[in-house]
Amino acid sequence: MPRHERRRLAHLAALNIFDTEASEGFDRVCMLAREFFQVPMAMVSFVDADRQWFKAKSGTHLAGSSRSDAFCAHTILNDEILVVPDARRDPRFAGSALVQHAPGIRFYAGAPIMLAPGVGLGAVCIADRVPRMLDGPGRVVLKQLAAVAVSELRLILAGTAYIRQGYRKDCSL
């Protein structure tokens, strides 16, 4: 569990993002990640108390997973990118349903999505069905894609604050 689990869950609750419709900005992050890294799967995930939910995804039909099976639950534990070259050989993930069954993940890399330092809400992640590595330039790109996801979240928060102040959503400036 993350050190600031209550604070992390409060941030997620304030976003009111779980189980919402697809979003063009997050979808673009997934499409760019999948194309750049030439992987079969890319996701923008958020980790709740008991589950991982994909706000956006490309290359998978999964809507999410249990938190106990989620690679992203490990990604949110610190500010660094998590790379799992071969999930079948990693004791943290070898027994995961995501490894043992469809989609059969072998490679995973995820960059944490953080609205506040040390408070990971989810991850921009890529996955493959074969083992592989992630080089230095790839790490930079994945981290930048996570920064784009943070920008999308800040837009959501700004829109929520705007509506709470009593302004009409369709008001033009």
C-alpha atoms as a PDB file:
ATOM      1  CA  MET A   1       0.000   0.000   0.000  1.00  0.00           C
ATOM      2  CA  PRO A   2       1.177   3.535  -0.744  1.00  0.00           C
ATOM      3  CA  ARG A   3       2.254   5.613   2.266  1.00  0.00           C
ATOM      4  CA  HIS A   4      -0.464   8.184   1.635  1.00  0.00           C
ATOM      5  CA  GLU A   5      -3.316   5.820   0.773  1.00  0.00           C
ATOM      6  CA  ARG A   6      -6.082   7.936   2.355  1.00  0.00           C
ATOM      7  CA  ARG A   7      -4.834  11.073   0.635  1.00  0.00           C
ATOM      8  CA  ARG A   8      -4.469   9.188  -2.645  1.00  0.00           C
ATOM      9  CA  LEU A   9      -8.028   7.861  -2.463  1.00  0.00           C
ATOM     10  CA  ALA A  10      -9.312  11.352  -1.573  1.00  0.00           C
ATOM     11  CA  HIS A  11      -7.659  12.732  -4.732  1.00  0.00           C
ATOM     12  CA  LEU A  12      -9.309   9.985  -6.797  1.00  0.00           C
ATOM     13  CA  ALA A  13     -12.703  10.692  -5.224  1.00  0.00           C
ATOM     14  CA  ALA A  14     -12.354  14.420  -5.991  1.00  0.00           C
ATOM     15  CA  LEU A  15     -11.750  13.602  -9.650  1.00  0.00           C
ATOM     16  CA  ASN A  16     -14.943  11.533  -9.861  1.00  0.00           C
ATOM     17  CA  ILE A  17     -13.318   9.735 -12.783  1.00  0.00           C
ATOM     18  CA  PHE A  18     -14.133   6.074 -12.156  1.00  0.00           C
ATOM     19  CA  ASP A  19     -16.545   4.483 -14.604  1.00  0.00           C
ATOM     20  CA  THR A  20     -16.830   7.635 -16.721  1.00  0.00           C
ATOM     21  CA  GLU A  21     -17.025   7.678 -20.502  1.00  0.00           C
ATOM     22  CA  ALA A  22     -13.999   7.550 -22.751  1.00  0.00           C
ATOM     23  CA  SER A  23     -12.053  10.759 -23.153  1.00  0.00           C
ATOM     24  CA  GLU A  24     -10.323  11.935 -26.329  1.00  0.00           C
ATOM     25  CA  GLY A  25      -7.228  13.175 -24.491  1.00  0.00           C
ATOM     26  CA  PHE A  26      -6.615   9.934 -22.603  1.00  0.00           C
ATOM     27  CA  ASP A  27      -7.415   7.883 -25.712  1.00  0.00           C
ATOM     28  CA  ARG A  28      -4.720   9.802 -27.605  1.00  0.00           C
ATOM     29  CA  VAL A  29      -2.183   9.015 -24.899  1.00  0.00           C
ATOM     30  CA  CYS A  30      -2.879   5.296 -25.399  1.00  0.00           C
ATOM     31  CA  MET A  31      -2.752   5.482 -29.177  1.00  0.00           C
ATOM     32  CA  LEU A  32       0.566   7.389 -29.075  1.00  0.00           C
ATOM     33  CA  ALA A  33       2.062   4.963 -26.550  1.00  0.00           C
ATOM     34  CA  ARG A  34       1.041   1.906 -28.513  1.00  0.00           C
ATOM     35  CA  GLU A  35       2.355   3.337 -31.769  1.00  0.00           C
ATOM     36  CA  PHE A  36       5.628   4.719 -30.380  1.00  0.00           C
ATOM     37  CA  PHE A  37       6.560   1.598 -28.421  1.00  0.00           C
ATOM     38  CA  GLN A  38       5.151  -0.847 -30.988  1.00  0.00           C
ATOM     39  CA  VAL A  39       3.321  -2.821 -28.293  1.00  0.00           C
ATOM     40  CA  PRO A  40      -0.035  -4.573 -28.559  1.00  0.00           C
ATOM     41  CA  MET A  41      -1.491  -2.858 -25.454  1.00  0.00           C
ATOM     42  CA  ALA A  42      -1.456   0.593 -23.860  1.00  0.00           C
ATOM     43  CA  MET A  43      -3.639   1.826 -21.021  1.00  0.00           C
ATOM     44  CA  VAL A  44      -4.292   4.797 -18.772  1.00  0.00           C
ATOM     45  CA  SER A  45      -5.272   3.226 -15.492  1.00  0.00           C
ATOM     46  CA  PHE A  46      -6.449   4.453 -12.124  1.00  0.00           C
ATOM     47  CA  VAL A  47      -6.089   2.379  -8.972  1.00  0.00           C
ATOM     48  CA  ASP A  48      -8.930   2.485  -6.465  1.00  0.00           C
ATOM     49  CA  ALA A  49      -9.038   0.763  -3.071  1.00  0.00           C
ATOM     50  CA  ASP A  50      -9.954  -2.626  -4.561  1.00  0.00           C
ATOM     51  CA  ARG A  51      -9.584  -2.375  -8.313  1.00  0.00           C
ATOM     52  CA  GLN A  52      -7.732  -0.982 -11.268  1.00  0.00           C
ATOM     53  CA  TRP A  53      -9.857   0.708 -13.921  1.00  0.00           C
ATOM     54  CA  PHE A  54      -8.797   1.713 -17.423  1.00  0.00           C
ATOM     55  CA  LYS A  55      -9.921   5.225 -18.290  1.00  0.00           C
ATOM     56  CA  ALA A  56      -8.435   4.640 -21.726  1.00  0.00           C
ATOM     57  CA  LYS A  57      -7.049   1.609 -23.493  1.00  0.00           C
ATOM     58  CA  SER A  58      -5.816   0.458 -26.848  1.00  0.00           C
ATOM     59  CA  GLY A  59      -5.331  -3.165 -27.820  1.00  0.00           C
ATOM     60  CA  THR A  60      -7.312  -4.780 -25.023  1.00  0.00           C
ATOM     61  CA  HIS A  61     -10.960  -5.352 -24.225  1.00  0.00           C
ATOM     62  CA  LEU A  62     -10.347  -5.456 -20.483  1.00  0.00           C
ATOM     63  CA  ALA A  63     -12.013  -2.714 -18.469  1.00  0.00           C
ATOM     64  CA  GLY A  64      -9.611  -3.248 -15.585  1.00  0.00           C
ATOM     65  CA  SER A  65      -8.660  -5.812 -12.974  1.00  0.00           C
ATOM     66  CA  SER A  66      -8.572  -6.456  -9.281  1.00  0.00           C
ATOM     67  CA  ARG A  67      -6.000  -4.357  -7.472  1.00  0.00           C
ATOM     68  CA  SER A  68      -4.197  -7.513  -6.397  1.00  0.00           C
ATOM     69  CA  ASP A  69      -3.570  -8.454 -10.056  1.00  0.00           C
ATOM     70  CA  ALA A  70      -2.714  -4.917 -11.167  1.00  0.00           C
ATOM     71  CA  PHE A  71       0.832  -4.081 -12.211  1.00  0.00           C
ATOM     72  CA  CYS A  72      -0.164  -0.425 -11.807  1.00  0.00           C
ATOM     73  CA  ALA A  73      -0.787  -0.982  -8.089  1.00  0.00           C
ATOM     74  CA  HIS A  74       2.997  -1.395  -7.847  1.00  0.00           C
ATOM     75  CA  THR A  75       3.713   1.522 -10.196  1.00  0.00           C
ATOM     76  CA  ILE A  76       1.919   4.001  -7.914  1.00  0.00           C
ATOM     77  CA  LEU A  77       4.193   3.141  -4.972  1.00  0.00           C
ATOM     78  CA  ASN A  78       6.874   5.608  -6.076  1.00  0.00           C
ATOM     79  CA  ASP A  79       7.656   8.355  -8.570  1.00  0.00           C
ATOM     80  CA  GLU A  80       9.730   6.191 -10.904  1.00  0.00           C
ATOM     81  CA  ILE A  81       8.799   4.158 -13.943  1.00  0.00           C
ATOM     82  CA  LEU A  82       8.218   0.483 -13.226  1.00  0.00           C
ATOM     83  CA  VAL A  83       9.608  -1.906 -15.846  1.00  0.00           C
ATOM     84  CA  VAL A  84       8.921  -5.635 -15.734  1.00  0.00           C
ATOM     85  CA  PRO A  85      10.924  -7.262 -18.551  1.00  0.00           C
ATOM     86  CA  ASP A  86       9.336 -10.720 -18.049  1.00  0.00           C
ATOM     87  CA  ALA A  87       6.352 -11.001 -15.723  1.00  0.00           C
ATOM     88  CA  ARG A  88       6.537 -14.812 -15.641  1.00  0.00           C
ATOM     89  CA  ARG A  89       9.972 -14.529 -14.019  1.00  0.00           C
ATOM     90  CA  ASP A  90       9.011 -11.777 -11.568  1.00  0.00           C
ATOM     91  CA  PRO A  91       7.677 -13.174  -8.260  1.00  0.00           C
ATOM     92  CA  ARG A  92       5.445 -10.107  -7.789  1.00  0.00           C
ATOM     93  CA  PHE A  93       3.501 -10.829 -10.972  1.00  0.00           C
ATOM     94  CA  ALA A  94       4.028 -14.458 -12.012  1.00  0.00           C
ATOM     95  CA  GLY A  95       0.775 -15.551 -10.331  1.00  0.00           C
ATOM     96  CA  SER A  96      -1.332 -12.630 -11.622  1.00  0.00           C
ATOM     97  CA  ALA A  97      -4.408 -13.500 -13.648  1.00  0.00           C
ATOM     98  CA  LEU A  98      -3.192 -10.924 -16.209  1.00  0.00           C
ATOM     99  CA  VAL A  99      -0.066 -13.048 -16.725  1.00  0.00           C
ATOM    100  CA  GLN A 100      -1.570 -16.538 -16.363  1.00  0.00           C
ATOM    101  CA  HIS A 101      -4.648 -15.873 -18.518  1.00  0.00           C
ATOM    102  CA  ALA A 102      -5.688 -13.397 -21.221  1.00  0.00           C
ATOM    103  CA  PRO A 103      -4.143 -11.032 -22.099  1.00  0.00           C
ATOM    104  CA  GLY A 104      -1.017 -13.016 -21.124  1.00  0.00           C
ATOM    105  CA  ILE A 105       1.203 -10.076 -20.197  1.00  0.00           C
ATOM    106  CA  ARG A 106       4.941 -10.776 -20.216  1.00  0.00           C
ATOM    107  CA  PHE A 107       6.351  -7.228 -20.509  1.00  0.00           C
ATOM    108  CA  TYR A 108       5.015  -4.217 -18.615  1.00  0.00           C
ATOM    109  CA  ALA A 109       6.213  -0.642 -18.220  1.00  0.00           C
ATOM    110  CA  GLY A 110       4.267   2.030 -16.377  1.00  0.00           C
ATOM    111  CA  ALA A 111       4.836   5.662 -15.466  1.00  0.00           C
ATOM    112  CA  PRO A 112       2.907   6.889 -12.420  1.00  0.00           C
ATOM    113  CA  ILE A 113       0.249   9.568 -12.779  1.00  0.00           C
ATOM    114  CA  MET A 114       0.730  11.986  -9.892  1.00  0.00           C
ATOM    115  CA  LEU A 115      -1.256  15.120  -9.127  1.00  0.00           C
ATOM    116  CA  ALA A 116       0.793  15.692  -5.972  1.00  0.00           C
ATOM    117  CA  PRO A 117       4.321  14.532  -5.107  1.00  0.00           C
ATOM    118  CA  GLY A 118       4.322  11.000  -3.752  1.00  0.00           C
ATOM    119  CA  VAL A 119       0.619  10.443  -4.456  1.00  0.00           C
ATOM    120  CA  GLY A 120       0.244   8.089  -7.410  1.00  0.00           C
ATOM    121  CA  LEU A 121      -3.289   7.817  -8.729  1.00  0.00           C
ATOM    122  CA  GLY A 122      -2.658   5.460 -11.613  1.00  0.00           C
ATOM    123  CA  ALA A 123      -0.322   4.927 -14.524  1.00  0.00           C
ATOM    124  CA  VAL A 124       0.232   5.279 -18.215  1.00  0.00           C
ATOM    125  CA  CYS A 125       1.334   1.784 -19.091  1.00  0.00           C
ATOM    126  CA  ILE A 126       2.329  -0.391 -21.994  1.00  0.00           C
ATOM    127  CA  ALA A 127       2.318  -4.180 -22.188  1.00  0.00           C
ATOM    128  CA  ASP A 128       3.368  -6.956 -24.515  1.00  0.00           C
ATOM    129  CA  ARG A 129       2.881 -10.699 -24.708  1.00  0.00           C
ATOM    130  CA  VAL A 130       6.616 -11.267 -25.129  1.00  0.00           C
ATOM    131  CA  PRO A 131       9.510 -10.273 -22.838  1.00  0.00           C
ATOM    132  CA  ARG A 132      11.357  -7.074 -23.735  1.00  0.00           C
ATOM    133  CA  MET A 133      13.219  -4.109 -22.264  1.00  0.00           C
ATOM    134  CA  LEU A 134      12.624  -0.363 -22.145  1.00  0.00           C
ATOM    135  CA  ASP A 135      15.598   1.834 -23.019  1.00  0.00           C
ATOM    136  CA  GLY A 136      16.438   5.297 -21.667  1.00  0.00           C
ATOM    137  CA  PRO A 137      14.723   7.295 -24.438  1.00  0.00           C
ATOM    138  CA  GLY A 138      11.644   5.076 -24.054  1.00  0.00           C
ATOM    139  CA  ARG A 139      11.534   5.866 -20.343  1.00  0.00           C
ATOM    140  CA  VAL A 140      11.600   9.578 -21.142  1.00  0.00           C
ATOM    141  CA  VAL A 141       8.699   9.236 -23.599  1.00  0.00           C
ATOM    142  CA  LEU A 142       6.619   7.150 -21.170  1.00  0.00           C
ATOM    143  CA  LYS A 143       7.188   9.711 -18.421  1.00  0.00           C
ATOM    144  CA  GLN A 144       6.114  12.507 -20.784  1.00  0.00           C
ATOM    145  CA  LEU A 145       2.933  10.616 -21.679  1.00  0.00           C
ATOM    146  CA  ALA A 146       2.168  10.381 -17.953  1.00  0.00           C
ATOM    147  CA  ALA A 147       2.668  14.171 -17.763  1.00  0.00           C
ATOM    148  CA  VAL A 148       0.087  14.570 -20.550  1.00  0.00           C
ATOM    149  CA  ALA A 149      -2.322  12.408 -18.520  1.00  0.00           C
ATOM    150  CA  VAL A 150      -1.735  14.681 -15.506  1.00  0.00           C
ATOM    151  CA  SER A 151      -2.580  17.692 -17.703  1.00  0.00           C
ATOM    152  CA  GLU A 152      -5.832  15.976 -18.690  1.00  0.00           C
ATOM    153  CA  LEU A 153      -6.648  15.442 -15.002  1.00  0.00           C
ATOM    154  CA  ARG A 154      -5.950  19.092 -14.240  1.00  0.00           C
ATOM    155  CA  LEU A 155      -8.394  20.070 -16.985  1.00  0.00           C
ATOM    156  CA  ILE A 156     -11.014  17.835 -15.369  1.00  0.00           C
ATOM    157  CA  LEU A 157     -10.372  19.463 -11.990  1.00  0.00           C
ATOM    158  CA  ALA A 158     -10.539  22.963 -13.496  1.00  0.00           C
ATOM    159  CA  GLY A 159     -13.842  22.144 -15.199  1.00  0.00           C
ATOM    160  CA  THR A 160     -15.259  20.726 -11.976  1.00  0.00           C
ATOM    161  CA  ALA A 161     -14.236  23.852 -10.058  1.00  0.00           C
ATOM    162  CA  TYR A 162     -15.756  26.043 -12.771  1.00  0.00           C
ATOM    163  CA  ILE A 163     -19.090  24.220 -12.560  1.00  0.00           C
ATOM    164  CA  ARG A 164     -19.068  24.282  -8.737  1.00  0.00           C
ATOM    165  CA  GLN A 165     -18.753  28.066  -8.857  1.00  0.00           C
ATOM    166  CA  GLY A 166     -22.115  28.217 -10.546  1.00  0.00           C
ATOM    167  CA  TYR A 167     -21.014  29.003 -14.088  1.00  0.00           C
ATOM    168  CA  ARG A 168     -22.695  27.345 -17.018  1.00  0.00           C
ATOM    169  CA  LYS A 169     -20.620  24.685 -18.708  1.00  0.00           C
ATOM    170  CA  ASP A 170     -21.397  26.018 -22.186  1.00  0.00           C
ATOM    171  CA  CYS A 171     -20.570  29.634 -21.370  1.00  0.00           C
ATOM    172  CA  SER A 172     -18.193  31.255 -23.848  1.00  0.00           C
ATOM    173  CA  LEU A 173     -15.501  33.760 -22.890  1.00  0.00           C
END
